[in-house]
Each structure stands twice: as C-alpha cells, then as structure tokens.
Amino acid sequence: MDVLSDLLHRARARHALIRQLIQRPPWSMTFADAPPLTVVATLGGPASVRLHDSDVAPVLLASGDIALLSGTGPYTIADGPSTLPQVVVRGGRKYVVGRGEEGAGAHRSVAPRTYGDGLPGATTMLRGAYELRGDVGDRLLDMLPPLAVVPAGPRTRAALDMLATEVAREEPGQDAVLHQLLDLVLVLALRAWCAKPQTTLPSWYGALTTPAIGDALRLLHEEPVHRWTVGELAAKVDMSRAAFAARFTHLVGEPPLTYLTGWRMVLGADLLRDTEATVAAVAREVGYKDAFAFSVAFKRARGVSPSVWRRRVRRSGPTSLAEEVTRS
C-alpha cells in the first residue's frame, strides 16, 4: 500500500456523510460545527466558500470545481460572498435564520436530510463530511491549507458526474456506491491539489514518486513493526547504504529511522487514544520489544509518558466547536 493510501485508510477517510444541495440564488448556508475534512463539489450554478475566523479571502467556485476544507471552524457556502447567512447547520440539523434577529432564538428547526427544492436555474452542489481519526488524520490534514480549491478537470469531472447521477437515484446499494464515489472524488482532488506547482507539501510527499526512496517509504508504512535497519532498507531498494541514507534524508527531510520512529509514534498515539490496550501491548503493536523502549521514544517525541498522554487526551475529550455563527 502506498503512503497516501495508508494515511487515508488509517485515518478512516471514508464513509462520509453525503448531502446534495440545490438552491436558487440568492442563497447562503453556514455550517457551524464543521468536521475535520469537507469536500464541496459544484455541479452547476454560482457558488462561493467563505471561512469564518480566518484571513483567507472568499473563493468563487465554477461548475466542476472542488473545494477541500480542513479544520473544524465554521464556514459559509453561498451563491456569492456578499450574501448573508440564511440557514445555519448545527449538530446535523438545519435552522432558518429569522430576519432582524440574533442568536439561537432566531432559528427554527426544519428537516435536516435534503437541502433545496430542485428549482430551475439553481445551484447544484454535493457536500461530503469526513470525520478523520487521530494523529494519522492530522498528518493527512497537514497536507492541506484551510481551503484548497481544485479547478474542474477531465478526471474529477467524470467522477463528479457519476456521483451526481447516483445521488439522484433511490436504488438498492446506493449508500455503498455513493461512499465509494465520494472517496474517489476525494483522492482525485488530493492528487490534483498536490500536483499544483505552487502547493507547499510535506517533504515526504514529494519523495513518494522518487525511485527507491518512494519504495522505501512504502516498505516503512507496510511493515512499521519490522525492525528495520538502514542497511536492510538500502538493500531492498538496490542502493548502497551511504547513498540511500543521504538520498532519503535529502528528500524526506530526516533520516530513514527517524522517519520510522515518528510514524510509530503517530500509530502509538492513536492506539493509546482509541483502545484500552496496555502500554506494553501498544509498544509491541508499533514495533518495540518492551514498554520501556517505547515509553522513552514516546516521551522524547511528545514530552510526556504514554500513560500521562493517554490520561490527558481522554480527559480533554473532543474539541468543542463554535455553537453560534454571527453575520459578517
């Protein structure tokens, strides 16, 4: 499995909540409690995306464009950046903003399942909300700015057309098809964004397509538990030890075993957060022969022992999200 696929799999970037939006201008919808990753695809009509609490300028979307929003801050999608919020979506429910009123009393609850009326001349969009998992999810999100726009292209447009066709149907197996198609759209959009010349990416991503070094990264992700040595990795990719170590460090930004340790700490942190496994069991799961060696490495990376880190992260719970969205 390649590194990007491994991140998507371990972060559980799948089974997103998918919604279709069909609205005739002027329209505006504010999402108060966004998930870590949102995919917004414009199938037709005018649209814009504006982040709240951010200095990122509103972005206009053309038909076929895909917007990737990373982070849990509120945002507004509308027919244009100047249209005031008319609807707030919070906690999975949709509320209509009352005229001349402020706060929670200005909303009335309506059905949350489908947005819009299918009116002629309306904007048609698809929105997929991904709840990513743990530190692996954070590593995936680190590839993206708060708002990344992928212009329409032949490959993404074909996938969007299939997704739009399926959304309009009510047939057995529809949920499975929708999730698979949205996952495809996400991967194609990530690829397209990462391929843009002006995109700033983690060093390891640029190394994925480099002969030998990309293969070494794949090996480290496929078998993080294996007790790799630099010499063994070099032999696997048919390079001398010295040449491999220098090339890997230059392209990835850190030596091979340092990268492996960092990846093991990411996996260990997620196991500590999400399971009841003992520290010793977690240590074995990520490639350490005993709890002491793992604890030393974890404390060096995170500043606290695995047990203390587990207590802190569980005590803090999920990050609280903004409850209200003000007009601006």
Protein backbone atom coordinates (compact mmCIF):
# COMPACT_ATOMS: atom_id res chain seq x y z
CA MET A 1 0.00 0.00 0.00
CA ASP A 2 1.40 3.43 -0.93
CA VAL A 3 1.84 6.11 1.72
CA LEU A 4 -1.15 8.29 0.75
CA SER A 5 -3.45 5.25 0.64
CA ASP A 6 -2.11 4.19 4.03
CA LEU A 7 -2.90 7.59 5.54
CA LEU A 8 -6.41 7.59 4.07
CA HIS A 9 -7.03 4.07 5.33
CA ARG A 10 -5.67 4.57 8.84
CA ALA A 11 -7.42 7.94 9.21
CA ARG A 12 -10.64 6.23 8.19
CA ALA A 13 -11.23 8.83 5.48
CA ARG A 14 -14.28 7.01 4.20
CA HIS A 15 -17.99 6.54 4.86
CA ALA A 16 -18.52 10.29 4.74
CA LEU A 17 -21.90 11.90 5.29
CA ILE A 18 -23.06 12.96 1.80
CA ARG A 19 -25.63 15.64 1.09
CA GLN A 20 -26.92 17.26 -2.08
CA LEU A 21 -27.70 20.98 -2.12
CA ILE A 22 -29.95 22.56 -4.76
CA GLN A 23 -30.78 26.26 -4.27
CA ARG A 24 -31.82 29.18 -6.45
CA PRO A 25 -29.93 32.49 -5.83
CA PRO A 26 -29.79 34.30 -3.54
CA TRP A 27 -28.94 31.58 -1.03
CA SER A 28 -26.47 31.04 1.78
CA MET A 29 -25.77 28.23 4.26
CA THR A 30 -23.46 28.43 7.27
CA PHE A 31 -22.02 25.25 8.80
CA ALA A 32 -21.36 25.98 12.47
CA ASP A 33 -19.64 22.75 13.50
CA ALA A 34 -17.63 21.50 10.55
CA PRO A 35 -15.93 18.08 10.52
CA PRO A 36 -12.13 17.86 10.13
CA LEU A 37 -12.38 17.46 6.34
CA THR A 38 -15.16 18.58 4.00
CA VAL A 39 -15.45 18.09 0.24
CA VAL A 40 -17.67 20.59 -1.58
CA ALA A 41 -18.20 19.97 -5.30
CA THR A 42 -20.05 22.42 -7.56
CA LEU A 43 -22.04 20.72 -10.31
CA GLY A 44 -23.70 23.84 -11.72
CA GLY A 45 -24.61 27.43 -10.93
CA PRO A 46 -22.75 30.14 -8.97
CA ALA A 47 -21.17 29.37 -5.61
CA SER A 48 -18.63 30.70 -3.14
CA VAL A 49 -16.94 29.47 0.03
CA ARG A 50 -16.04 31.75 2.94
CA LEU A 51 -14.20 30.68 6.08
CA HIS A 52 -15.10 32.32 9.38
CA ASP A 53 -12.38 33.34 11.83
CA SER A 54 -9.81 33.29 9.03
CA ASP A 55 -7.96 35.78 6.87
CA VAL A 56 -8.45 33.56 3.82
CA ALA A 57 -10.43 35.50 1.20
CA PRO A 58 -13.76 34.09 -0.03
CA VAL A 59 -13.35 31.86 -3.07
CA LEU A 60 -15.67 31.68 -6.08
CA LEU A 61 -16.38 28.21 -7.44
CA ALA A 62 -17.16 27.40 -11.06
CA SER A 63 -19.01 24.33 -12.27
CA GLY A 64 -16.89 21.25 -11.69
CA ASP A 65 -14.63 22.88 -9.08
CA ILE A 66 -13.94 21.03 -5.83
CA ALA A 67 -13.19 22.75 -2.52
CA LEU A 68 -11.41 20.87 0.27
CA LEU A 69 -11.92 22.43 3.72
CA SER A 70 -9.64 21.22 6.50
CA GLY A 71 -10.33 22.21 10.09
CA THR A 72 -13.34 22.43 12.35
CA GLY A 73 -14.05 26.15 12.12
CA PRO A 74 -17.38 27.45 10.78
CA TYR A 75 -17.74 28.34 7.11
CA THR A 76 -20.39 29.56 4.70
CA ILE A 77 -21.22 28.39 1.20
CA ALA A 78 -23.43 30.69 -0.85
CA ASP A 79 -24.25 31.88 -4.34
CA GLY A 80 -21.84 34.79 -3.73
CA PRO A 81 -19.57 36.09 -0.95
CA SER A 82 -21.83 39.06 -0.16
CA THR A 83 -24.97 37.02 0.53
CA LEU A 84 -25.74 36.93 4.26
CA PRO A 85 -26.32 33.59 6.03
CA GLN A 86 -29.90 32.43 5.63
CA VAL A 87 -29.52 28.95 7.07
CA VAL A 88 -27.30 27.56 9.83
CA VAL A 89 -26.50 23.84 10.02
CA ARG A 90 -25.54 22.78 13.53
CA GLY A 91 -25.39 19.37 15.13
CA GLY A 92 -26.70 17.71 11.98
CA ARG A 93 -29.82 19.89 11.87
CA LYS A 94 -30.77 22.81 9.68
CA TYR A 95 -32.06 26.12 11.11
CA VAL A 96 -33.51 29.07 9.20
CA VAL A 97 -32.21 32.46 10.36
CA GLY A 98 -35.03 34.81 11.37
CA ARG A 99 -34.96 38.32 9.91
CA GLY A 100 -33.65 41.05 12.18
CA GLU A 101 -32.93 38.61 14.99
CA GLU A 102 -29.74 37.28 16.58
CA GLY A 103 -28.72 34.13 18.43
CA ALA A 104 -30.34 30.76 18.90
CA GLY A 105 -33.82 32.28 19.22
CA ALA A 106 -33.57 33.41 15.61
CA HIS A 107 -33.73 29.87 14.27
CA ARG A 108 -36.44 27.30 13.80
CA SER A 109 -35.68 23.64 13.29
CA VAL A 110 -36.51 22.06 9.94
CA ALA A 111 -35.82 18.68 8.36
CA PRO A 112 -32.06 18.07 8.07
CA ARG A 113 -31.94 15.44 5.30
CA THR A 114 -32.18 17.29 1.96
CA TYR A 115 -31.36 20.88 1.07
CA GLY A 116 -33.09 22.79 -1.72
CA ASP A 117 -36.08 22.42 -3.98
CA GLY A 118 -34.65 21.43 -7.37
CA LEU A 119 -35.68 24.78 -8.90
CA PRO A 120 -34.75 25.78 -12.46
CA GLY A 121 -31.58 27.88 -12.59
CA ALA A 122 -30.50 26.70 -9.16
CA THR A 123 -27.01 26.00 -7.92
CA THR A 124 -26.35 22.28 -7.50
CA MET A 125 -23.64 21.12 -5.12
CA LEU A 126 -22.53 17.99 -3.32
CA ARG A 127 -21.02 18.07 0.17
CA GLY A 128 -19.20 15.22 1.87
CA ALA A 129 -18.21 15.44 5.55
CA TYR A 130 -15.33 13.27 6.76
CA GLU A 131 -14.65 12.55 10.43
CA LEU A 132 -10.94 11.72 10.42
CA ARG A 133 -9.19 9.70 13.10
CA GLY A 134 -6.47 10.76 15.48
CA ASP A 135 -2.88 11.71 14.76
CA VAL A 136 -2.93 9.91 11.42
CA GLY A 137 -5.81 12.15 10.40
CA ASP A 138 -3.78 15.17 11.48
CA ARG A 139 -0.90 14.08 9.27
CA LEU A 140 -3.29 13.85 6.34
CA LEU A 141 -4.75 17.30 7.09
CA ASP A 142 -1.25 18.76 7.28
CA MET A 143 -1.11 18.33 3.51
CA LEU A 144 -3.87 20.89 3.05
CA PRO A 145 -4.41 24.59 3.78
CA PRO A 146 -7.70 25.61 5.45
CA LEU A 147 -9.27 25.97 1.99
CA ALA A 148 -7.93 24.27 -1.14
CA VAL A 149 -9.72 24.65 -4.47
CA VAL A 150 -9.19 22.14 -7.26
CA PRO A 151 -10.37 23.54 -10.63
CA ALA A 152 -12.57 21.40 -12.83
CA GLY A 153 -10.65 18.84 -14.86
CA PRO A 154 -11.46 15.83 -17.05
CA ARG A 155 -10.71 13.23 -14.37
CA THR A 156 -12.52 14.93 -11.49
CA ARG A 157 -15.45 15.95 -13.70
CA ALA A 158 -16.08 12.35 -14.79
CA ALA A 159 -16.14 11.20 -11.16
CA LEU A 160 -18.44 14.08 -10.17
CA ASP A 161 -20.85 13.26 -12.99
CA MET A 162 -21.12 9.66 -11.76
CA LEU A 163 -21.60 10.87 -8.19
CA ALA A 164 -24.30 13.36 -9.20
CA THR A 165 -26.16 10.72 -11.19
CA GLU A 166 -26.12 8.31 -8.28
CA VAL A 167 -27.28 10.94 -5.76
CA ALA A 168 -30.41 11.49 -7.84
CA ARG A 169 -31.36 7.80 -7.64
CA GLU A 170 -33.06 5.76 -4.95
CA GLU A 171 -31.91 2.20 -5.61
CA PRO A 172 -30.64 -0.73 -3.53
CA GLY A 173 -26.98 -0.38 -2.62
CA GLN A 174 -27.00 3.39 -3.18
CA ASP A 175 -25.19 4.26 0.05
CA ALA A 176 -22.31 1.93 -0.77
CA VAL A 177 -21.96 3.39 -4.27
CA LEU A 178 -22.13 6.98 -3.02
CA HIS A 179 -19.41 6.42 -0.44
CA GLN A 180 -17.12 4.75 -2.94
CA LEU A 181 -17.62 7.52 -5.49
CA LEU A 182 -17.06 10.30 -2.96
CA ASP A 183 -13.88 8.58 -1.77
CA LEU A 184 -12.76 8.53 -5.41
CA VAL A 185 -13.51 12.25 -5.76
CA LEU A 186 -11.52 12.95 -2.58
CA VAL A 187 -8.45 11.03 -3.77
CA LEU A 188 -8.55 12.63 -7.23
CA ALA A 189 -8.90 16.08 -5.68
CA LEU A 190 -5.98 15.44 -3.30
CA ARG A 191 -3.83 14.28 -6.20
CA ALA A 192 -4.74 17.31 -8.28
CA TRP A 193 -4.07 19.72 -5.41
CA CYS A 194 -0.71 18.15 -4.60
CA ALA A 195 0.30 18.30 -8.27
CA LYS A 196 -0.13 22.09 -8.46
CA PRO A 197 3.31 23.76 -8.76
CA GLN A 198 2.59 26.38 -6.08
CA THR A 199 1.40 23.85 -3.49
CA THR A 200 3.55 23.54 -0.36
CA LEU A 201 3.66 19.91 0.71
CA PRO A 202 5.41 17.84 3.38
CA SER A 203 8.82 16.68 2.19
CA TRP A 204 7.82 13.03 2.32
CA TYR A 205 5.06 13.56 -0.26
CA GLY A 206 7.48 14.80 -2.89
CA ALA A 207 9.65 11.75 -2.25
CA LEU A 208 6.83 9.29 -2.97
CA THR A 209 7.41 9.35 -6.73
CA THR A 210 11.21 9.24 -6.48
CA PRO A 211 12.68 5.84 -7.45
CA ALA A 212 13.99 3.82 -4.49
CA ILE A 213 13.04 6.42 -1.85
CA GLY A 214 9.33 6.10 -2.62
CA ASP A 215 9.73 2.31 -2.40
CA ALA A 216 11.45 2.65 0.99
CA LEU A 217 8.63 4.82 2.33
CA ARG A 218 6.12 2.23 1.16
CA LEU A 219 8.05 -0.50 2.99
CA LEU A 220 8.12 1.51 6.22
CA HIS A 221 4.35 2.04 6.05
CA GLU A 222 3.59 -1.54 5.08
CA GLU A 223 5.67 -3.01 7.92
CA PRO A 224 6.21 -0.42 10.66
CA VAL A 225 6.61 -3.24 13.20
CA HIS A 226 9.61 -4.73 11.40
CA ARG A 227 12.98 -3.95 12.98
CA TRP A 228 14.35 -2.11 10.01
CA THR A 229 17.96 -1.08 9.64
CA VAL A 230 19.28 1.44 7.15
CA GLY A 231 21.32 -1.30 5.53
CA GLU A 232 18.31 -3.56 5.06
CA LEU A 233 16.22 -0.77 3.56
CA ALA A 234 19.07 0.15 1.22
CA ALA A 235 19.38 -3.46 0.06
CA LYS A 236 15.61 -3.69 -0.54
CA VAL A 237 15.73 -0.71 -2.94
CA ASP A 238 19.05 -1.73 -4.51
CA MET A 239 21.21 1.15 -3.26
CA SER A 240 24.35 1.36 -1.19
CA ARG A 241 23.79 2.14 2.47
CA ALA A 242 25.54 5.51 2.37
CA ALA A 243 23.89 6.66 -0.86
CA PHE A 244 20.45 5.58 0.33
CA ALA A 245 20.77 7.30 3.72
CA ALA A 246 21.94 10.55 2.13
CA ARG A 247 19.26 10.49 -0.59
CA PHE A 248 16.44 9.67 1.84
CA THR A 249 17.48 12.39 4.29
CA HIS A 250 17.75 14.97 1.50
CA LEU A 251 14.32 14.23 0.02
CA VAL A 252 12.29 13.40 3.13
CA GLY A 253 13.96 15.88 5.46
CA GLU A 254 15.04 13.35 8.09
CA PRO A 255 16.96 10.06 8.21
CA PRO A 256 15.10 6.79 7.49
CA LEU A 257 14.97 5.51 11.08
CA THR A 258 13.97 8.94 12.41
CA TYR A 259 11.06 8.93 9.96
CA LEU A 260 10.15 5.40 11.09
CA THR A 261 10.21 6.42 14.76
CA GLY A 262 7.97 9.41 14.06
CA TRP A 263 5.49 7.22 12.19
CA ARG A 264 5.49 4.68 15.01
CA MET A 265 4.73 7.46 17.50
CA VAL A 266 1.75 8.55 15.39
CA LEU A 267 0.41 4.99 15.33
CA GLY A 268 1.11 4.54 19.04
CA ALA A 269 -0.66 7.78 19.95
CA ASP A 270 -3.79 6.67 18.12
CA LEU A 271 -3.74 3.26 19.82
CA LEU A 272 -3.39 4.93 23.22
CA ARG A 273 -6.31 7.24 22.44
CA ASP A 274 -8.66 4.74 20.82
CA THR A 275 -8.05 1.42 22.60
CA GLU A 276 -7.74 0.02 26.10
CA ALA A 277 -4.51 -1.81 25.24
CA THR A 278 -1.74 -1.62 27.80
CA VAL A 279 1.37 0.42 27.08
CA ALA A 280 3.27 -2.82 26.64
CA ALA A 281 0.73 -4.07 24.09
CA VAL A 282 0.86 -0.78 22.21
CA ALA A 283 4.65 -0.95 22.23
CA ARG A 284 4.61 -4.38 20.57
CA GLU A 285 1.96 -3.24 18.08
CA VAL A 286 4.19 -0.45 16.75
CA GLY A 287 7.47 -2.34 16.71
CA TYR A 288 9.03 -2.06 20.18
CA LYS A 289 10.04 -5.16 22.13
CA ASP A 290 9.10 -3.71 25.51
CA ALA A 291 7.16 -0.87 27.13
CA PHE A 292 10.31 0.85 28.42
CA ALA A 293 11.85 1.39 24.99
CA PHE A 294 8.54 2.65 23.61
CA SER A 295 7.98 4.97 26.58
CA VAL A 296 11.42 6.53 26.18
CA ALA A 297 10.81 7.20 22.48
CA PHE A 298 7.27 8.46 23.10
CA LYS A 299 8.34 10.85 25.85
CA ARG A 300 11.11 12.19 23.64
CA ALA A 301 8.58 12.84 20.86
CA ARG A 302 5.57 14.04 22.92
CA GLY A 303 7.17 15.40 26.08
CA VAL A 304 5.22 13.10 28.43
CA SER A 305 4.98 9.38 29.05
CA PRO A 306 2.39 7.28 27.17
CA SER A 307 0.27 6.87 30.31
CA VAL A 308 0.19 10.59 31.06
CA TRP A 309 -0.55 11.40 27.41
CA ARG A 310 -3.44 8.92 27.38
CA ARG A 311 -4.99 10.43 30.52
CA ARG A 312 -4.66 13.97 29.20
CA VAL A 313 -6.13 13.29 25.77
CA ARG A 314 -9.06 11.35 27.19
CA ARG A 315 -9.74 13.93 29.86
CA SER A 316 -9.78 16.75 27.33
CA GLY A 317 -12.28 14.91 25.12
CA PRO A 318 -13.34 16.16 21.68
CA THR A 319 -12.57 19.75 20.86
CA SER A 320 -15.59 21.96 21.46
CA LEU A 321 -16.87 23.64 18.34
CA ALA A 322 -18.45 27.05 17.91
CA GLU A 323 -22.16 26.92 18.68
CA GLU A 324 -23.22 30.16 17.08
CA VAL A 325 -22.32 31.89 13.82
CA THR A 326 -22.61 35.66 13.56
CA ARG A 327 -23.26 37.60 10.39
CA SER A 328 -20.37 39.45 8.82
